[in-house]
Amino acid sequence: MPDGRKIYFLTNQQDTEVKCVVSFRVTDYAPEWWNPVTGDRRPLTEYSVENGYTVVQLAFEAAESGFVVFKDKKQKIHLKINVA
């Protein structure tokens, strides 16, 4: 995509729930899940980067499909917690 997004379409073509681990050849972007039926989008917060791949664990309902979108560059988050 011209704006740098990387989009992958995934589908469960079975009539049962499926859990899987998927590797994407992307390292500098954080993954999001986009549901084409509901329009919902959510960050996939549990992922790892291994040997040049982003590895994501996904669970699909029966016949579910959706997009994994790598849209925003990963940002380091700095937290400061004050305890009173």
C-alpha atoms as a PDB file:
ATOM      1  CA  MET A   1       0.000   0.000   0.000  1.00  0.00           C
ATOM      2  CA  PRO A   2       1.292   3.492  -0.719  1.00  0.00           C
ATOM      3  CA  ASP A   3       0.833   4.565   2.910  1.00  0.00           C
ATOM      4  CA  GLY A   4       2.982   1.703   4.195  1.00  0.00           C
ATOM      5  CA  ARG A   5       0.179  -0.502   5.523  1.00  0.00           C
ATOM      6  CA  LYS A   6       0.517  -4.224   5.119  1.00  0.00           C
ATOM      7  CA  ILE A   7      -2.792  -6.105   4.895  1.00  0.00           C
ATOM      8  CA  TYR A   8      -3.353  -9.858   5.152  1.00  0.00           C
ATOM      9  CA  PHE A   9      -6.710 -11.620   4.741  1.00  0.00           C
ATOM     10  CA  LEU A  10      -7.197 -14.760   6.818  1.00  0.00           C
ATOM     11  CA  THR A  11     -10.110 -17.165   6.847  1.00  0.00           C
ATOM     12  CA  ASN A  12     -11.249 -20.225   8.737  1.00  0.00           C
ATOM     13  CA  GLN A  13     -12.983 -22.409   6.168  1.00  0.00           C
ATOM     14  CA  GLN A  14     -13.949 -25.046   8.699  1.00  0.00           C
ATOM     15  CA  ASP A  15     -17.205 -25.373  10.619  1.00  0.00           C
ATOM     16  CA  THR A  16     -15.396 -25.452  13.969  1.00  0.00           C
ATOM     17  CA  GLU A  17     -13.303 -22.988  15.962  1.00  0.00           C
ATOM     18  CA  VAL A  18      -9.630 -22.925  14.990  1.00  0.00           C
ATOM     19  CA  LYS A  19      -6.647 -21.649  16.974  1.00  0.00           C
ATOM     20  CA  CYS A  20      -3.424 -21.035  15.099  1.00  0.00           C
ATOM     21  CA  VAL A  21      -0.086 -19.268  15.188  1.00  0.00           C
ATOM     22  CA  VAL A  22       0.614 -17.125  12.144  1.00  0.00           C
ATOM     23  CA  SER A  23       3.946 -15.583  11.081  1.00  0.00           C
ATOM     24  CA  PHE A  24       4.089 -12.436   8.962  1.00  0.00           C
ATOM     25  CA  ARG A  25       7.215 -11.108   7.269  1.00  0.00           C
ATOM     26  CA  VAL A  26       6.796  -7.739   8.981  1.00  0.00           C
ATOM     27  CA  THR A  27       8.827  -6.396  11.894  1.00  0.00           C
ATOM     28  CA  ASP A  28       8.422  -2.648  12.301  1.00  0.00           C
ATOM     29  CA  TYR A  29       4.641  -2.411  12.626  1.00  0.00           C
ATOM     30  CA  ALA A  30       2.142  -3.369  15.315  1.00  0.00           C
ATOM     31  CA  PRO A  31      -0.647  -5.777  14.211  1.00  0.00           C
ATOM     32  CA  GLU A  32      -4.363  -5.016  14.377  1.00  0.00           C
ATOM     33  CA  TRP A  33      -7.383  -7.266  13.772  1.00  0.00           C
ATOM     34  CA  TRP A  34     -10.068  -5.864  11.465  1.00  0.00           C
ATOM     35  CA  ASN A  35     -13.442  -7.622  11.335  1.00  0.00           C
ATOM     36  CA  PRO A  36     -15.054  -7.022   7.915  1.00  0.00           C
ATOM     37  CA  VAL A  37     -18.533  -8.040   9.122  1.00  0.00           C
ATOM     38  CA  THR A  38     -18.826  -5.797  12.163  1.00  0.00           C
ATOM     39  CA  GLY A  39     -16.303  -3.122  11.232  1.00  0.00           C
ATOM     40  CA  ASP A  40     -14.578  -3.555  14.593  1.00  0.00           C
ATOM     41  CA  ARG A  41     -10.837  -3.001  14.859  1.00  0.00           C
ATOM     42  CA  ARG A  42      -8.608  -3.899  17.769  1.00  0.00           C
ATOM     43  CA  PRO A  43      -4.888  -4.057  18.388  1.00  0.00           C
ATOM     44  CA  LEU A  44      -3.353  -7.515  18.661  1.00  0.00           C
ATOM     45  CA  THR A  45      -1.349  -6.916  21.790  1.00  0.00           C
ATOM     46  CA  GLU A  46       0.069 -10.407  22.250  1.00  0.00           C
ATOM     47  CA  TYR A  47       2.665 -10.927  19.544  1.00  0.00           C
ATOM     48  CA  SER A  48       6.383 -11.432  19.235  1.00  0.00           C
ATOM     49  CA  VAL A  49       9.045 -10.621  16.673  1.00  0.00           C
ATOM     50  CA  GLU A  50      11.296 -13.554  15.836  1.00  0.00           C
ATOM     51  CA  ASN A  51      13.941 -13.816  13.106  1.00  0.00           C
ATOM     52  CA  GLY A  52      12.408 -11.104  10.927  1.00  0.00           C
ATOM     53  CA  TYR A  53       8.776 -12.216  11.417  1.00  0.00           C
ATOM     54  CA  THR A  54       5.919 -10.984  13.585  1.00  0.00           C
ATOM     55  CA  VAL A  55       4.260 -14.004  15.196  1.00  0.00           C
ATOM     56  CA  VAL A  56       0.612 -13.750  16.289  1.00  0.00           C
ATOM     57  CA  GLN A  57      -1.647 -16.297  17.951  1.00  0.00           C
ATOM     58  CA  LEU A  58      -5.204 -16.107  16.612  1.00  0.00           C
ATOM     59  CA  ALA A  59      -8.517 -17.837  17.311  1.00  0.00           C
ATOM     60  CA  PHE A  60     -11.222 -18.003  14.649  1.00  0.00           C
ATOM     61  CA  GLU A  61     -14.860 -18.899  15.130  1.00  0.00           C
ATOM     62  CA  ALA A  62     -16.351 -21.322  12.614  1.00  0.00           C
ATOM     63  CA  ALA A  63     -16.262 -19.780   9.110  1.00  0.00           C
ATOM     64  CA  GLU A  64     -14.834 -16.515  10.485  1.00  0.00           C
ATOM     65  CA  SER A  65     -12.532 -14.336   8.420  1.00  0.00           C
ATOM     66  CA  GLY A  66     -10.795 -11.029   8.871  1.00  0.00           C
ATOM     67  CA  PHE A  67      -7.779  -8.897   8.185  1.00  0.00           C
ATOM     68  CA  VAL A  68      -4.525  -8.568  10.051  1.00  0.00           C
ATOM     69  CA  VAL A  69      -3.333  -5.048   9.319  1.00  0.00           C
ATOM     70  CA  PHE A  70       0.096  -3.687  10.090  1.00  0.00           C
ATOM     71  CA  LYS A  71      -0.635   0.025  10.045  1.00  0.00           C
ATOM     72  CA  ASP A  72       1.200   2.024  12.658  1.00  0.00           C
ATOM     73  CA  LYS A  73       4.857   1.818  13.421  1.00  0.00           C
ATOM     74  CA  LYS A  74       5.531   0.330  16.809  1.00  0.00           C
ATOM     75  CA  GLN A  75       5.960   2.987  19.404  1.00  0.00           C
ATOM     76  CA  LYS A  76       7.860   2.590  22.607  1.00  0.00           C
ATOM     77  CA  ILE A  77       5.593   3.287  25.531  1.00  0.00           C
ATOM     78  CA  HIS A  78       7.086   4.941  28.561  1.00  0.00           C
ATOM     79  CA  LEU A  79       5.082   4.608  31.743  1.00  0.00           C
ATOM     80  CA  LYS A  80       5.645   6.567  34.882  1.00  0.00           C
ATOM     81  CA  ILE A  81       3.722   5.299  37.868  1.00  0.00           C
ATOM     82  CA  ASN A  82       3.480   7.373  40.991  1.00  0.00           C
ATOM     83  CA  VAL A  83       2.550   5.532  44.123  1.00  0.00           C
ATOM     84  CA  ALA A  84       1.216   7.669  46.926  1.00  0.00           C
END
